Amino acid sequence: MRSMVSRSGIAAFTAMLTLPAVGGMTRQPPSLPFGPGERITYHVYAKGMGSIGRATMSVDGPVDVRGTPTLLLRSQTVAGVGPFRGSQLSESWLDPIAMRSLRFHERERRFLSTHNLNVEIYPDDEVWTSADGTSGASLTTASLDELSFIYFLRSLPIGPDTTYQFNRHFDAARNPITVRMAHGDVVSTDLGDFTTVLMEMRVHDPRRYRGDGVIRVYLSDDKCRIPVRIESSVPRVGSFTLMLESYADPAPVCNMADRPHGETARRPADR
């Protein structure tokens, strides 16, 4: 699969980031393992049911949000069996310099229910507002949402097994988020076997998990930090696993085109 975003598009985004800012300061382009044009597809599996659908994660941009060039992160899932099919679309507008979210949209459709959330995040003021009239406080000027947090995990340096605690969800009531970093399994995918690093997140989400939930993200143990496997369990809905199907990125650092299909697990020296 090849991305529809050209190298000139990436260059344009980089140019926007390096424009002089207020006070003569310059916004420097970050060194991140993802960027405009990245597209990842997954098989969706349900415990005891096998494959039930597909999911996609993608990065586009630049998109201007209140004068800030952002990356538009998008996650879309369509899965289910027979008439019991549902869909979920999450969109996050991420400032890649400050690594914080400025806007978050979420739409879920299930057999008998729907859920829509449209949030504007004002991290400098540590507040957020929703289209339904609700609002609240944040605990930091570097707020994140559910989707951008996964990309934030990809930007963390890989180190020894350890546990972190973050108060970076834009909704103060959803904090803290605990992340345990550990050596992961060798994960077999359609693109071959990957040595992984496990990022196990414990999140506070009363609506989806009826309290605290656990999400396990297995990142490729290399400079691309690809989420090759994502696991979660939702009460009264079931346990789900996303397994890597395909990956495309126009940036040379993470271009998979030259990686032989079925290549064996990467060694730590490949990082």
Protein backbone atom coordinates (compact mmCIF):
# COMPACT_ATOMS: atom_id res chain seq x y z
CA MET A 1 0.00 0.00 0.00
CA ARG A 2 1.36 3.46 -0.86
CA SER A 3 0.26 6.67 0.79
CA MET A 4 -1.48 9.37 -1.25
CA VAL A 5 0.51 12.06 0.62
CA SER A 6 3.54 13.19 -1.38
CA ARG A 7 6.97 14.11 -0.07
CA SER A 8 6.19 17.71 -1.09
CA GLY A 9 3.21 17.58 1.27
CA ILE A 10 5.48 16.53 4.13
CA ALA A 11 7.90 19.32 3.23
CA ALA A 12 5.04 21.83 3.31
CA PHE A 13 4.05 20.67 6.78
CA THR A 14 7.65 20.97 7.99
CA ALA A 15 7.85 24.47 6.53
CA MET A 16 4.75 25.50 8.47
CA LEU A 17 6.30 24.27 11.70
CA THR A 18 9.45 26.30 11.16
CA LEU A 19 7.70 29.61 10.54
CA PRO A 20 8.72 32.34 13.03
CA ALA A 21 6.33 32.50 15.97
CA VAL A 22 5.40 35.31 18.36
CA GLY A 23 8.42 36.91 20.02
CA GLY A 24 10.81 35.67 17.35
CA MET A 25 10.72 32.09 18.62
CA THR A 26 10.81 29.35 15.99
CA ARG A 27 8.70 26.20 16.03
CA GLN A 28 11.10 23.39 15.16
CA PRO A 29 9.84 20.21 13.48
CA PRO A 30 9.93 17.29 15.93
CA SER A 31 11.65 13.96 15.48
CA LEU A 32 8.68 11.60 15.67
CA PRO A 33 8.14 8.03 14.40
CA PHE A 34 4.98 9.11 12.56
CA GLY A 35 3.91 11.90 10.26
CA PRO A 36 1.52 12.92 7.46
CA GLY A 37 0.78 10.02 5.14
CA GLU A 38 1.17 7.19 7.64
CA ARG A 39 -1.61 4.64 7.31
CA ILE A 40 -1.96 1.42 9.32
CA THR A 41 -4.68 -1.19 8.84
CA TYR A 42 -5.68 -3.97 11.22
CA HIS A 43 -7.72 -7.12 11.43
CA VAL A 44 -10.19 -6.96 14.34
CA TYR A 45 -10.62 -10.14 16.38
CA ALA A 46 -13.13 -10.84 19.14
CA LYS A 47 -12.44 -13.42 21.82
CA GLY A 48 -14.11 -16.69 20.88
CA MET A 49 -15.40 -15.33 17.55
CA GLY A 50 -12.39 -14.88 15.29
CA SER A 51 -12.15 -12.06 12.77
CA ILE A 52 -15.09 -9.65 12.92
CA GLY A 53 -13.92 -6.55 11.04
CA ARG A 54 -11.16 -4.11 10.18
CA ALA A 55 -9.67 -0.95 11.63
CA THR A 56 -7.51 1.87 10.28
CA MET A 57 -5.22 4.42 11.92
CA SER A 58 -3.93 7.30 9.82
CA VAL A 59 -2.11 10.63 10.02
CA ASP A 60 -2.89 13.62 7.81
CA GLY A 61 -2.09 17.31 7.84
CA PRO A 62 -1.31 20.04 8.18
CA VAL A 63 -4.64 21.26 9.54
CA ASP A 64 -4.89 24.71 11.10
CA VAL A 65 -6.56 24.84 14.52
CA ARG A 66 -6.82 28.34 15.97
CA GLY A 67 -3.57 29.35 14.26
CA THR A 68 -1.59 26.20 15.10
CA PRO A 69 -0.61 23.65 12.39
CA THR A 70 -1.65 20.22 13.61
CA LEU A 71 -1.52 16.59 12.62
CA LEU A 72 -4.97 15.08 12.10
CA LEU A 73 -4.94 11.63 13.70
CA ARG A 74 -7.79 9.34 12.75
CA SER A 75 -8.84 5.90 13.99
CA GLN A 76 -11.78 4.09 12.39
CA THR A 77 -13.19 0.66 13.20
CA VAL A 78 -16.06 -1.25 11.59
CA ALA A 79 -16.75 -4.61 13.21
CA GLY A 80 -19.46 -6.99 14.33
CA VAL A 81 -21.44 -10.06 13.33
CA GLY A 82 -24.57 -9.96 11.19
CA PRO A 83 -26.92 -7.16 12.24
CA PHE A 84 -24.88 -6.59 15.40
CA ARG A 85 -22.30 -4.44 13.67
CA GLY A 86 -20.94 -1.19 14.96
CA SER A 87 -18.48 1.51 14.05
CA GLN A 88 -16.23 3.92 15.83
CA LEU A 89 -14.48 7.00 14.48
CA SER A 90 -12.04 9.01 16.59
CA GLU A 91 -10.24 12.13 15.37
CA SER A 92 -7.59 14.11 17.21
CA TRP A 93 -5.90 17.32 16.15
CA LEU A 94 -2.38 17.09 17.63
CA ASP A 95 0.16 19.88 17.93
CA PRO A 96 3.34 17.82 17.32
CA ILE A 97 5.65 20.50 18.73
CA ALA A 98 4.05 20.79 22.17
CA MET A 99 2.71 17.20 21.91
CA ARG A 100 -0.77 18.20 22.98
CA SER A 101 -4.26 17.88 21.57
CA LEU A 102 -6.31 20.91 20.53
CA ARG A 103 -9.50 19.19 19.36
CA PHE A 104 -11.09 15.76 19.72
CA HIS A 105 -14.09 14.16 17.99
CA GLU A 106 -15.54 10.73 18.64
CA ARG A 107 -18.53 8.95 17.11
CA GLU A 108 -19.69 5.47 18.09
CA ARG A 109 -22.59 3.58 16.56
CA ARG A 110 -23.76 0.28 17.96
CA PHE A 111 -26.84 -1.85 17.33
CA LEU A 112 -29.07 0.07 19.74
CA SER A 113 -27.03 3.13 20.71
CA THR A 114 -24.95 6.04 19.45
CA HIS A 115 -22.42 8.31 21.10
CA ASN A 116 -21.04 11.60 19.80
CA LEU A 117 -18.41 13.80 21.39
CA ASN A 118 -17.00 17.04 19.98
CA VAL A 119 -14.47 18.74 22.21
CA GLU A 120 -12.38 21.88 21.86
CA ILE A 121 -9.31 21.79 24.11
CA TYR A 122 -7.59 24.97 25.28
CA PRO A 123 -4.42 23.63 26.91
CA ASP A 124 -2.87 27.01 27.74
CA ASP A 125 -5.98 27.83 29.78
CA GLU A 126 -6.26 24.23 31.09
CA VAL A 127 -9.92 23.99 30.10
CA TRP A 128 -12.06 22.17 27.53
CA THR A 129 -15.54 22.66 26.14
CA SER A 130 -17.91 20.24 24.44
CA ALA A 131 -20.51 20.87 21.74
CA ASP A 132 -23.19 19.52 24.11
CA GLY A 133 -22.60 22.43 26.47
CA THR A 134 -20.45 20.67 29.06
CA SER A 135 -16.99 21.86 29.99
CA GLY A 136 -14.28 21.12 32.48
CA ALA A 137 -10.76 21.61 33.73
CA SER A 138 -7.49 20.01 32.68
CA LEU A 139 -4.55 19.33 34.94
CA THR A 140 -1.84 20.37 32.49
CA THR A 141 -1.01 22.63 29.57
CA ALA A 142 -0.09 19.51 27.56
CA SER A 143 -3.47 17.77 27.42
CA LEU A 144 -4.10 14.65 25.35
CA ASP A 145 -7.14 12.59 24.40
CA GLU A 146 -7.65 8.83 24.01
CA LEU A 147 -6.29 8.67 20.45
CA SER A 148 -3.41 11.13 20.71
CA PHE A 149 -2.25 9.32 23.85
CA ILE A 150 -1.41 6.23 21.77
CA TYR A 151 0.74 8.39 19.48
CA PHE A 152 2.32 9.99 22.55
CA LEU A 153 3.33 6.49 23.70
CA ARG A 154 5.08 6.00 20.36
CA SER A 155 7.21 9.08 21.05
CA LEU A 156 8.50 7.89 24.43
CA PRO A 157 12.09 6.61 24.64
CA ILE A 158 12.32 2.86 25.17
CA GLY A 159 13.97 1.99 28.44
CA PRO A 160 13.99 -0.68 31.14
CA ASP A 161 10.80 -2.10 32.56
CA THR A 162 9.17 0.68 34.51
CA THR A 163 5.84 2.32 35.37
CA TYR A 164 4.80 5.90 34.64
CA GLN A 165 1.85 7.94 35.83
CA PHE A 166 0.49 10.76 33.69
CA ASN A 167 -2.16 13.40 34.43
CA ARG A 168 -2.51 14.40 30.79
CA HIS A 169 -6.06 13.47 29.81
CA PHE A 170 -7.86 16.70 28.93
CA ASP A 171 -10.67 15.78 31.36
CA ALA A 172 -9.23 16.04 34.89
CA ALA A 173 -11.69 13.38 36.10
CA ARG A 174 -10.13 10.82 33.75
CA ASN A 175 -6.71 11.01 35.41
CA PRO A 176 -4.32 9.56 36.32
CA ILE A 177 -3.32 7.26 33.46
CA THR A 178 -0.79 4.63 34.48
CA VAL A 179 1.54 3.17 31.85
CA ARG A 180 3.67 0.09 32.44
CA MET A 181 6.52 -0.30 29.95
CA ALA A 182 7.89 -3.84 29.61
CA HIS A 183 9.41 -6.24 27.10
CA GLY A 184 6.64 -7.55 24.86
CA ASP A 185 6.11 -10.75 22.93
CA VAL A 186 7.29 -11.53 19.44
CA VAL A 187 4.11 -10.71 17.52
CA SER A 188 3.35 -12.50 14.23
CA THR A 189 1.51 -10.37 11.66
CA ASP A 190 0.74 -10.31 7.94
CA LEU A 191 3.99 -8.32 7.55
CA GLY A 192 6.12 -10.82 9.46
CA ASP A 193 7.26 -11.16 13.06
CA PHE A 194 8.02 -8.15 15.26
CA THR A 195 9.93 -7.93 18.50
CA THR A 196 7.80 -5.60 20.62
CA VAL A 197 7.69 -3.33 23.63
CA LEU A 198 4.53 -3.55 25.71
CA MET A 199 2.81 -0.34 26.79
CA GLU A 200 0.06 -1.35 29.22
CA MET A 201 -2.27 1.55 30.00
CA ARG A 202 -4.68 1.66 32.92
CA VAL A 203 -7.31 4.27 32.12
CA HIS A 204 -10.26 5.72 34.01
CA ASP A 205 -13.27 5.64 31.67
CA PRO A 206 -16.65 5.21 33.43
CA ARG A 207 -18.65 5.25 30.20
CA ARG A 208 -16.74 2.59 28.28
CA TYR A 209 -15.20 0.46 31.04
CA ARG A 210 -17.60 1.18 33.91
CA GLY A 211 -14.59 2.35 35.87
CA ASP A 212 -10.96 1.50 35.12
CA GLY A 213 -9.91 -0.32 31.96
CA VAL A 214 -6.72 -1.81 30.58
CA ILE A 215 -5.39 -1.29 27.06
CA ARG A 216 -2.27 -3.14 25.93
CA VAL A 217 -0.35 -1.66 23.01
CA TYR A 218 2.52 -3.70 21.54
CA LEU A 219 4.92 -1.35 19.71
CA SER A 220 7.54 -2.58 17.28
CA ASP A 221 10.93 -2.40 19.01
CA ASP A 222 12.52 -0.20 16.36
CA LYS A 223 12.54 3.45 15.35
CA CYS A 224 9.11 3.17 13.70
CA ARG A 225 7.29 2.24 16.96
CA ILE A 226 4.40 0.73 14.98
CA PRO A 227 1.42 -0.43 17.09
CA VAL A 228 1.42 -4.01 15.78
CA ARG A 229 -1.11 -5.35 18.31
CA ILE A 230 -3.69 -3.55 20.47
CA GLU A 231 -5.80 -5.37 23.07
CA SER A 232 -8.72 -4.13 25.14
CA SER A 233 -11.64 -5.60 27.04
CA VAL A 234 -14.96 -3.76 27.36
CA PRO A 235 -17.47 -4.96 30.00
CA ARG A 236 -20.72 -6.39 28.55
CA VAL A 237 -19.23 -6.07 25.05
CA GLY A 238 -16.19 -8.35 24.96
CA SER A 239 -12.43 -8.59 24.48
CA PHE A 240 -10.98 -7.31 21.23
CA THR A 241 -7.60 -7.46 19.53
CA LEU A 242 -6.31 -5.41 16.61
CA MET A 243 -3.58 -7.17 14.61
CA LEU A 244 -1.41 -5.41 12.05
CA GLU A 245 -2.44 -6.05 8.45
CA SER A 246 -0.61 -3.37 6.44
CA TYR A 247 1.56 -0.32 6.96
CA ALA A 248 2.53 2.62 4.74
CA ASP A 249 4.57 5.73 5.51
CA PRO A 250 6.14 8.08 2.94
CA ALA A 251 8.87 9.10 5.41
CA PRO A 252 12.11 7.15 4.71
CA VAL A 253 12.72 6.38 8.41
CA CYS A 254 9.67 4.12 8.59
CA ASN A 255 9.15 2.99 5.00
CA MET A 256 8.25 -0.72 5.06
CA ALA A 257 8.50 -1.23 1.30
CA ASP A 258 11.99 -2.77 1.51
CA ARG A 259 11.19 -5.10 4.44
CA PRO A 260 10.79 -8.65 3.08
CA HIS A 261 7.42 -10.23 3.72
CA GLY A 262 7.71 -12.73 6.55
CA GLU A 263 11.01 -11.34 7.85
CA THR A 264 11.97 -12.72 11.24
CA ALA A 265 11.78 -10.69 14.42
CA ARG A 266 13.96 -7.60 14.56
CA ARG A 267 16.95 -7.59 16.84
CA PRO A 268 17.47 -4.81 19.44
CA ALA A 269 20.46 -3.65 17.36
CA ASP A 270 18.02 -2.65 14.59
CA ARG A 271 16.58 0.11 16.74
